[in-house]
Amino acid sequence: MLLFFAGMANQMGRVMIPAIKTSVMTDPVFGPTFKANVGMMLSAVSIVCLGGKILGAGVTDWLGGWLMLIGVFAVWIVATVGAIATSSVDIFGGMWLLNSLAYTVTWGAQVQVIGATFSEAERPGQLSSAASSSRVGATFGNIVFGQLLSAGFSWRATLMPMVPVQVLLLLGCVYGWSKAPRSAAGEAKGAAKDEGSEGVPPLNAMRTPEFWLLMVPKACCFTATQFFMNYIPQLLHVRYGFSHGSAATLGGIAQGGSVVALMFVSPLVYKKASKPAKVAMLAGMLAVSAAVPALLAVSASLPVDITPVVVPLCMLWGLAYVIPFYLPGGEYAMAVGGAKYTGMYTNIFDATGFLASAVWNPWASASSKGGDFETVLWSQVVFFAGSMVAMPLAMSRLNAKADAAKKKD
């Protein structure tokens, strides 16, 4: 439960600046400079996240997940207080980068704790819970920040409730670390060590096509998380006429589909499905993830106004993409990485996603500022169409290898 709330609070902190972005753009002091530089800032955020993933890959398995989470929330507190207090756009941008650095190592830390603490049978459920914590945090955070903006609070006041939340989670993670049995490496090794799996070094796995067939779709799907976090509120405001507060609130609701997928579809359907059925589900979800942005891209030329169903369509998109985004890569990291390399695999996959985002974000920001959301949406169609081929192929090959290994035994 503590791990769930840590992930939830982390994602709330992550979405707080994108949620208030359109409000900051209208700030009489910050507005013009921030608006002119937001694309560059988004690119810098992706680069910092990439650096954080590389850092996480190097130290998460060594230090252990709980120690990483303690560091995360200590940095969060500094970043949030600094963003609220500053009157400088440069310092605000620096706090956004610090915010992003803290956020970026959290998922790898969560996966490391799960892989080191739970048995192989328990891990898929724990992985779904950890992933759902992020989506709950994104949804809840956008709704809360949107409602505060709608109530007339300034963007600075809107950020203030995050500070006590982050302080409480810092103390909670200290408690979690104090209770975890630790080996010489500094972290619980219980379940994973008992199973005797030290894991395959990433350089060895990179020689297999399955690694790349999973990593490339992960990077493509990663841009969808950027779209939901950075552009959905802007899309709703610019293209469909919603106010700043309503756009942020509805942006949070749009992410509710991801919560439904991870809290209900994953444990009740995906987890219980056979291996071939899981492959078919992934292909279907990725097909839907390509179809929804295609529909949004052509919405202006449709004979009917789809404004009333834009948010439900985005919810469907979120429901469809989030299981392919989180679960195949995470399960692969724990199965192949074992006790020694789980965090490294997770961070390598995410680092690739942030690298793709560092390239995609400034282009998407420039296009959206000019009102060209169609091209941005079509890029999502291309990414998911490619993923619809690669990811099911990777899972089918992994399943075939596992079946062949069982026959040999």
Protein backbone atom coordinates (compact mmCIF):
# COMPACT_ATOMS: atom_id res chain seq x y z
CA MET A 1 0.00 0.00 0.00
CA LEU A 2 2.86 2.38 0.81
CA LEU A 3 4.38 1.64 -2.60
CA PHE A 4 1.02 2.47 -4.21
CA PHE A 5 0.74 5.85 -2.47
CA ALA A 6 4.36 6.66 -3.27
CA GLY A 7 3.66 6.08 -6.97
CA MET A 8 0.42 8.02 -6.79
CA ALA A 9 2.00 11.07 -5.10
CA ASN A 10 4.94 10.94 -7.48
CA GLN A 11 2.67 11.08 -10.53
CA MET A 12 0.57 13.86 -8.99
CA GLY A 13 3.75 15.86 -8.65
CA ARG A 14 4.71 15.02 -12.22
CA VAL A 15 1.46 16.32 -13.74
CA MET A 16 1.15 19.44 -11.60
CA ILE A 17 3.17 21.71 -13.91
CA PRO A 18 1.59 20.44 -17.17
CA ALA A 19 -1.83 20.84 -15.50
CA ILE A 20 -1.19 24.51 -14.76
CA LYS A 21 0.76 25.15 -17.98
CA THR A 22 -1.99 27.07 -19.78
CA SER A 23 -2.57 29.16 -16.64
CA VAL A 24 1.14 29.98 -16.33
CA MET A 25 1.12 31.08 -19.98
CA THR A 26 -1.38 33.82 -19.05
CA ASP A 27 0.57 34.95 -15.96
CA PRO A 28 1.32 38.70 -16.35
CA VAL A 29 4.94 38.18 -15.21
CA PHE A 30 5.74 34.65 -16.41
CA GLY A 31 3.40 34.34 -19.36
CA PRO A 32 5.18 35.72 -22.46
CA THR A 33 8.62 34.33 -21.59
CA PHE A 34 7.26 30.97 -20.48
CA LYS A 35 5.11 30.61 -23.59
CA ALA A 36 8.05 31.44 -25.85
CA ASN A 37 10.29 28.86 -24.19
CA VAL A 38 7.89 26.06 -23.23
CA GLY A 39 8.86 23.86 -26.19
CA MET A 40 12.53 24.10 -25.27
CA MET A 41 11.65 23.40 -21.63
CA LEU A 42 9.71 20.27 -22.61
CA SER A 43 12.69 19.05 -24.59
CA ALA A 44 14.97 19.78 -21.63
CA VAL A 45 12.56 17.89 -19.38
CA SER A 46 12.81 14.84 -21.63
CA ILE A 47 16.61 15.07 -21.67
CA VAL A 48 16.73 15.32 -17.87
CA CYS A 49 14.39 12.33 -17.63
CA LEU A 50 16.69 10.43 -19.99
CA GLY A 51 19.64 11.30 -17.75
CA GLY A 52 17.64 10.24 -14.71
CA LYS A 53 16.89 6.89 -16.30
CA ILE A 54 20.57 6.34 -17.07
CA LEU A 55 21.39 7.27 -13.47
CA GLY A 56 18.61 5.00 -12.22
CA ALA A 57 19.87 2.11 -14.36
CA GLY A 58 23.27 2.44 -12.72
CA VAL A 59 22.31 2.77 -9.05
CA THR A 60 18.77 1.48 -8.41
CA ASP A 61 19.69 -2.22 -8.11
CA TRP A 62 22.74 -1.27 -6.04
CA LEU A 63 21.08 1.13 -3.58
CA GLY A 64 17.66 -0.52 -3.58
CA GLY A 65 14.24 0.85 -4.39
CA TRP A 66 13.36 2.25 -0.99
CA LEU A 67 16.49 4.37 -0.74
CA MET A 68 15.82 5.69 -4.23
CA LEU A 69 12.27 6.65 -3.21
CA ILE A 70 13.57 8.48 -0.15
CA GLY A 71 15.78 10.53 -2.43
CA VAL A 72 12.88 11.09 -4.83
CA PHE A 73 10.64 12.74 -2.25
CA ALA A 74 13.45 14.83 -0.77
CA VAL A 75 14.08 16.27 -4.24
CA TRP A 76 10.33 16.70 -4.84
CA ILE A 77 10.00 18.93 -1.77
CA VAL A 78 12.80 21.22 -2.94
CA ALA A 79 11.40 21.39 -6.49
CA THR A 80 7.82 22.15 -5.44
CA VAL A 81 8.73 24.80 -2.87
CA GLY A 82 11.16 26.38 -5.32
CA ALA A 83 8.56 26.54 -8.13
CA ILE A 84 6.03 28.18 -5.81
CA ALA A 85 8.42 30.71 -4.32
CA THR A 86 10.37 31.92 -7.35
CA SER A 87 9.63 35.00 -9.43
CA SER A 88 12.16 33.97 -12.10
CA VAL A 89 11.14 31.99 -15.17
CA ASP A 90 14.64 30.48 -15.32
CA ILE A 91 14.45 29.23 -11.75
CA PHE A 92 10.92 27.96 -12.36
CA GLY A 93 12.28 26.03 -15.35
CA GLY A 94 15.08 24.67 -13.17
CA MET A 95 12.56 23.46 -10.60
CA TRP A 96 10.59 21.78 -13.41
CA LEU A 97 13.78 19.94 -14.37
CA LEU A 98 14.40 18.94 -10.76
CA ASN A 99 10.77 17.81 -10.56
CA SER A 100 11.34 15.66 -13.64
CA LEU A 101 14.54 14.13 -12.29
CA ALA A 102 12.71 13.00 -9.16
CA TYR A 103 9.81 11.59 -11.14
CA THR A 104 11.92 9.68 -13.60
CA VAL A 105 13.60 7.22 -11.23
CA THR A 106 10.42 6.27 -9.36
CA TRP A 107 9.06 3.56 -11.66
CA GLY A 108 12.38 1.70 -11.74
CA ALA A 109 12.54 1.90 -7.93
CA GLN A 110 9.01 0.50 -7.62
CA VAL A 111 9.78 -2.37 -10.00
CA GLN A 112 13.01 -3.12 -8.12
CA VAL A 113 11.17 -3.38 -4.80
CA ILE A 114 8.54 -5.65 -6.38
CA GLY A 115 11.11 -7.89 -8.06
CA ALA A 116 13.17 -8.16 -4.88
CA THR A 117 10.29 -8.72 -2.48
CA PHE A 118 7.56 -10.78 -4.17
CA SER A 119 7.46 -14.24 -5.72
CA GLU A 120 7.15 -14.74 -9.46
CA ALA A 121 3.44 -15.55 -9.12
CA GLU A 122 2.77 -12.37 -7.14
CA ARG A 123 4.70 -9.98 -9.35
CA PRO A 124 2.19 -9.38 -12.19
CA GLY A 125 -0.48 -8.27 -9.69
CA GLN A 126 1.98 -6.07 -7.82
CA LEU A 127 3.20 -4.62 -11.11
CA SER A 128 -0.36 -3.75 -12.12
CA SER A 129 -0.93 -2.13 -8.73
CA ALA A 130 2.22 -0.03 -9.03
CA ALA A 131 1.35 0.99 -12.59
CA SER A 132 -2.21 1.88 -11.56
CA SER A 133 -0.84 4.09 -8.79
CA SER A 134 0.75 6.28 -11.45
CA ARG A 135 -2.45 6.51 -13.48
CA VAL A 136 -4.54 7.21 -10.35
CA GLY A 137 -2.07 9.95 -9.43
CA ALA A 138 -2.22 11.47 -12.92
CA THR A 139 -6.01 11.40 -12.98
CA PHE A 140 -6.51 12.64 -9.42
CA GLY A 141 -3.79 15.27 -9.75
CA ASN A 142 -5.22 16.79 -12.92
CA ILE A 143 -8.72 16.87 -11.42
CA VAL A 144 -7.54 18.46 -8.17
CA PHE A 145 -5.36 21.06 -9.87
CA GLY A 146 -8.09 21.79 -12.41
CA GLN A 147 -10.70 22.29 -9.69
CA LEU A 148 -8.41 24.60 -7.73
CA LEU A 149 -7.81 26.70 -10.85
CA SER A 150 -11.56 26.74 -11.58
CA ALA A 151 -12.19 27.91 -8.01
CA GLY A 152 -10.07 30.98 -8.70
CA PHE A 153 -6.81 30.00 -7.03
CA SER A 154 -3.59 31.20 -8.63
CA TRP A 155 -1.27 28.60 -10.12
CA ARG A 156 1.09 29.12 -7.17
CA ALA A 157 -1.65 28.40 -4.63
CA THR A 158 -2.71 25.40 -6.70
CA LEU A 159 0.72 23.80 -6.19
CA MET A 160 0.86 24.33 -2.41
CA PRO A 161 -1.09 21.23 -1.28
CA MET A 162 1.59 19.00 -2.81
CA VAL A 163 4.20 20.04 -0.24
CA PRO A 164 2.68 18.31 2.83
CA VAL A 165 1.83 15.27 0.69
CA GLN A 166 5.46 14.96 -0.37
CA VAL A 167 6.69 15.39 3.21
CA LEU A 168 4.40 12.58 4.39
CA LEU A 169 5.58 10.26 1.60
CA LEU A 170 9.22 11.03 2.43
CA LEU A 171 8.58 9.88 6.00
CA GLY A 172 6.61 6.87 4.72
CA CYS A 173 9.47 5.74 2.48
CA VAL A 174 11.94 6.07 5.36
CA TYR A 175 9.64 3.75 7.30
CA GLY A 176 9.42 1.31 4.35
CA TRP A 177 13.20 1.23 4.05
CA SER A 178 13.63 0.66 7.79
CA LYS A 179 11.33 -2.37 7.72
CA ALA A 180 12.77 -4.03 4.60
CA PRO A 181 15.34 -6.81 5.19
CA ARG A 182 18.57 -5.75 3.53
CA SER A 183 21.45 -7.64 2.07
CA ALA A 184 24.93 -6.23 1.54
CA ALA A 185 23.58 -4.52 -1.58
CA GLY A 186 21.23 -2.51 0.59
CA GLU A 187 17.84 -3.94 -0.41
CA ALA A 188 15.49 -6.81 0.15
CA LYS A 189 16.40 -9.80 -1.99
CA GLY A 190 13.96 -12.32 -0.56
CA ALA A 191 11.76 -13.77 -3.28
CA ALA A 192 14.02 -13.14 -6.23
CA LYS A 193 17.10 -14.58 -4.56
CA ASP A 194 15.22 -17.62 -3.33
CA GLU A 195 14.31 -18.45 -6.90
CA GLY A 196 18.00 -18.39 -7.79
CA SER A 197 17.61 -16.07 -10.73
CA GLU A 198 20.53 -13.68 -11.04
CA GLY A 199 19.30 -12.55 -14.44
CA VAL A 200 20.70 -12.02 -17.92
CA PRO A 201 22.96 -8.97 -18.37
CA PRO A 202 21.30 -6.37 -20.64
CA LEU A 203 24.14 -6.50 -23.17
CA ASN A 204 23.39 -10.19 -23.71
CA ALA A 205 19.66 -9.56 -24.08
CA MET A 206 20.34 -6.84 -26.65
CA ARG A 207 21.54 -9.56 -29.02
CA THR A 208 18.01 -10.98 -29.22
CA PRO A 209 15.25 -9.57 -31.45
CA GLU A 210 12.73 -9.77 -28.59
CA PHE A 211 14.57 -7.04 -26.68
CA TRP A 212 14.26 -4.60 -29.58
CA LEU A 213 10.74 -5.67 -30.52
CA LEU A 214 9.69 -4.67 -27.00
CA MET A 215 11.89 -1.63 -26.53
CA VAL A 216 10.89 0.22 -29.71
CA PRO A 217 7.11 -0.03 -29.02
CA LYS A 218 7.80 1.02 -25.43
CA ALA A 219 9.46 4.19 -26.76
CA CYS A 220 6.59 4.80 -29.18
CA CYS A 221 3.97 4.32 -26.46
CA PHE A 222 6.00 6.64 -24.25
CA THR A 223 5.11 9.57 -26.47
CA ALA A 224 1.44 8.86 -25.69
CA THR A 225 2.13 9.43 -21.99
CA GLN A 226 3.64 12.77 -22.99
CA PHE A 227 0.60 13.60 -25.09
CA PHE A 228 -1.80 12.81 -22.25
CA MET A 229 0.22 14.76 -19.72
CA ASN A 230 1.31 17.79 -21.75
CA TYR A 231 -1.19 18.21 -24.58
CA ILE A 232 -4.66 16.86 -23.69
CA PRO A 233 -5.59 19.95 -21.60
CA GLN A 234 -4.17 22.21 -24.32
CA LEU A 235 -6.09 20.28 -27.02
CA LEU A 236 -9.34 20.62 -25.06
CA HIS A 237 -8.77 24.34 -24.51
CA VAL A 238 -7.57 25.34 -27.98
CA ARG A 239 -9.55 23.02 -30.24
CA TYR A 240 -12.72 22.44 -28.25
CA GLY A 241 -13.11 25.68 -26.31
CA PHE A 242 -12.92 24.51 -22.70
CA SER A 243 -11.67 26.94 -20.03
CA HIS A 244 -8.25 26.49 -18.44
CA GLY A 245 -9.70 24.91 -15.29
CA SER A 246 -12.18 22.72 -17.16
CA ALA A 247 -9.49 21.58 -19.61
CA ALA A 248 -7.19 20.54 -16.74
CA THR A 249 -10.06 18.77 -14.93
CA LEU A 250 -11.28 16.99 -18.05
CA GLY A 251 -7.68 16.11 -18.90
CA GLY A 252 -7.57 14.25 -15.60
CA ILE A 253 -10.85 12.52 -16.32
CA ALA A 254 -9.53 11.54 -19.75
CA GLN A 255 -6.73 9.66 -18.00
CA GLY A 256 -9.32 7.72 -16.01
CA GLY A 257 -9.39 5.07 -18.73
CA SER A 258 -5.84 4.11 -17.78
CA VAL A 259 -6.92 3.67 -14.17
CA VAL A 260 -9.77 1.38 -15.21
CA ALA A 261 -7.41 -0.69 -17.35
CA LEU A 262 -4.81 -1.19 -14.65
CA MET A 263 -7.12 -1.65 -11.68
CA PHE A 264 -9.77 -3.84 -13.33
CA VAL A 265 -8.92 -5.01 -16.87
CA SER A 266 -5.39 -6.08 -15.96
CA PRO A 267 -6.11 -8.19 -12.84
CA LEU A 268 -9.52 -9.49 -13.90
CA VAL A 269 -8.93 -10.14 -17.60
CA TYR A 270 -5.32 -9.79 -18.78
CA LYS A 271 -3.67 -11.56 -15.85
CA LYS A 272 -6.03 -14.56 -16.12
CA ALA A 273 -5.81 -14.91 -19.90
CA SER A 274 -3.77 -17.56 -21.66
CA LYS A 275 -0.54 -16.52 -23.35
CA PRO A 276 -2.07 -16.47 -26.88
CA ALA A 277 -5.05 -14.51 -25.56
CA LYS A 278 -2.71 -11.94 -24.01
CA VAL A 279 -0.97 -11.49 -27.35
CA ALA A 280 -4.35 -10.97 -29.06
CA MET A 281 -5.41 -8.49 -26.35
CA LEU A 282 -2.22 -6.48 -26.82
CA ALA A 283 -2.76 -6.33 -30.59
CA GLY A 284 -6.36 -5.21 -30.12
CA MET A 285 -5.46 -2.55 -27.56
CA LEU A 286 -2.74 -1.13 -29.78
CA ALA A 287 -5.16 -1.09 -32.73
CA VAL A 288 -7.62 0.97 -30.68
CA SER A 289 -4.74 3.23 -29.61
CA ALA A 290 -4.09 3.97 -33.29
CA ALA A 291 -7.77 4.39 -34.20
CA VAL A 292 -8.69 7.02 -31.58
CA PRO A 293 -6.05 9.65 -32.50
CA ALA A 294 -6.88 9.03 -36.16
CA LEU A 295 -10.52 9.91 -35.42
CA LEU A 296 -9.50 13.00 -33.44
CA ALA A 297 -7.18 14.08 -36.27
CA VAL A 298 -10.03 14.10 -38.83
CA SER A 299 -12.71 15.38 -36.43
CA ALA A 300 -12.75 18.89 -37.92
CA SER A 301 -13.81 17.50 -41.31
CA LEU A 302 -16.53 15.22 -39.96
CA PRO A 303 -20.18 16.13 -40.65
CA VAL A 304 -20.97 16.00 -36.90
CA ASP A 305 -19.45 17.80 -33.92
CA ILE A 306 -17.66 15.25 -31.73
CA THR A 307 -16.90 17.70 -28.90
CA PRO A 308 -19.31 15.92 -26.49
CA VAL A 309 -17.46 12.63 -26.94
CA VAL A 310 -13.86 13.86 -27.08
CA VAL A 311 -13.20 13.12 -23.41
CA PRO A 312 -14.77 9.60 -23.57
CA LEU A 313 -12.68 8.93 -26.69
CA CYS A 314 -9.54 9.96 -24.82
CA MET A 315 -10.58 7.72 -21.93
CA LEU A 316 -10.87 4.83 -24.39
CA TRP A 317 -7.43 5.65 -25.77
CA GLY A 318 -5.98 5.71 -22.25
CA LEU A 319 -7.63 2.39 -21.43
CA ALA A 320 -6.21 0.84 -24.59
CA TYR A 321 -2.58 1.97 -24.51
CA VAL A 322 -1.67 1.67 -20.83
CA ILE A 323 -1.48 -2.13 -20.48
CA PRO A 324 0.83 -2.49 -23.51
CA PHE A 325 2.87 0.42 -22.15
CA TYR A 326 3.42 -0.94 -18.64
CA LEU A 327 3.03 -4.70 -18.40
CA PRO A 328 4.96 -6.48 -21.22
CA GLY A 329 8.13 -4.45 -20.61
CA GLY A 330 7.86 -4.74 -16.83
CA GLU A 331 7.25 -8.49 -16.90
CA TYR A 332 10.15 -8.93 -19.33
CA ALA A 333 12.43 -6.87 -17.05
CA MET A 334 11.67 -9.03 -14.02
CA ALA A 335 11.76 -12.36 -15.91
CA VAL A 336 15.01 -11.69 -17.78
CA GLY A 337 16.64 -9.27 -15.36
CA GLY A 338 16.15 -11.40 -12.27
CA ALA A 339 17.29 -10.17 -8.89
CA LYS A 340 20.35 -8.42 -10.25
CA TYR A 341 19.19 -6.47 -13.31
CA THR A 342 15.44 -5.75 -12.96
CA GLY A 343 15.91 -2.05 -12.26
CA MET A 344 18.48 -1.74 -15.03
CA TYR A 345 16.19 -3.22 -17.68
CA THR A 346 13.28 -1.05 -16.54
CA ASN A 347 15.36 2.12 -16.69
CA ILE A 348 16.91 1.23 -20.05
CA PHE A 349 13.45 0.81 -21.57
CA ASP A 350 12.25 4.07 -20.04
CA ALA A 351 15.43 5.90 -21.07
CA THR A 352 14.68 5.00 -24.67
CA GLY A 353 11.19 6.41 -24.22
CA PHE A 354 12.51 9.67 -22.86
CA LEU A 355 15.01 9.90 -25.70
CA ALA A 356 12.15 9.54 -28.18
CA SER A 357 10.19 12.14 -26.21
CA ALA A 358 13.12 14.56 -26.23
CA VAL A 359 12.93 14.54 -30.02
CA TRP A 360 9.14 14.40 -30.30
CA ASN A 361 8.18 16.98 -27.63
CA PRO A 362 9.66 20.18 -29.13
CA TRP A 363 8.19 19.31 -32.53
CA ALA A 364 4.79 18.52 -31.00
CA SER A 365 4.90 21.70 -28.89
CA ALA A 366 5.71 23.88 -31.89
CA SER A 367 2.94 22.26 -33.94
CA SER A 368 0.33 22.54 -31.17
CA LYS A 369 1.20 26.18 -30.42
CA GLY A 370 0.41 26.90 -34.06
CA GLY A 371 -2.88 25.04 -33.72
CA ASP A 372 -1.74 22.06 -35.79
CA PHE A 373 -2.92 19.22 -33.56
CA GLU A 374 -3.76 17.06 -36.58
CA THR A 375 -0.11 16.35 -37.40
CA VAL A 376 0.66 15.61 -33.76
CA LEU A 377 -2.24 13.16 -33.61
CA TRP A 378 -1.18 11.46 -36.85
CA SER A 379 2.26 10.88 -35.34
CA GLN A 380 0.52 8.92 -32.59
CA VAL A 381 -1.32 6.87 -35.21
CA VAL A 382 1.98 5.92 -36.86
CA PHE A 383 3.62 5.01 -33.53
CA PHE A 384 0.79 2.76 -32.42
CA ALA A 385 0.36 1.13 -35.83
CA GLY A 386 4.02 0.09 -35.73
CA SER A 387 3.73 -1.07 -32.12
CA MET A 388 0.68 -3.15 -33.06
CA VAL A 389 3.00 -5.29 -35.20
CA ALA A 390 6.18 -5.35 -33.10
CA MET A 391 4.94 -5.94 -29.56
CA PRO A 392 2.65 -8.94 -30.24
CA LEU A 393 5.45 -10.45 -32.33
CA ALA A 394 7.88 -10.07 -29.42
CA MET A 395 5.44 -11.67 -26.97
CA SER A 396 4.73 -14.55 -29.36
CA ARG A 397 8.45 -15.24 -29.73
CA LEU A 398 8.99 -15.11 -25.95
CA ASN A 399 6.07 -17.48 -25.41
CA ALA A 400 7.48 -19.90 -27.99
CA LYS A 401 10.89 -19.84 -26.30
CA ALA A 402 9.31 -20.49 -22.89
CA ASP A 403 7.28 -23.41 -24.26
CA ALA A 404 10.36 -24.89 -25.92
CA ALA A 405 12.33 -24.62 -22.66
CA LYS A 406 9.54 -26.44 -20.78
CA LYS A 407 9.56 -29.27 -23.31
CA LYS A 408 13.31 -29.71 -22.84
CA ASP A 409 12.82 -29.96 -19.07
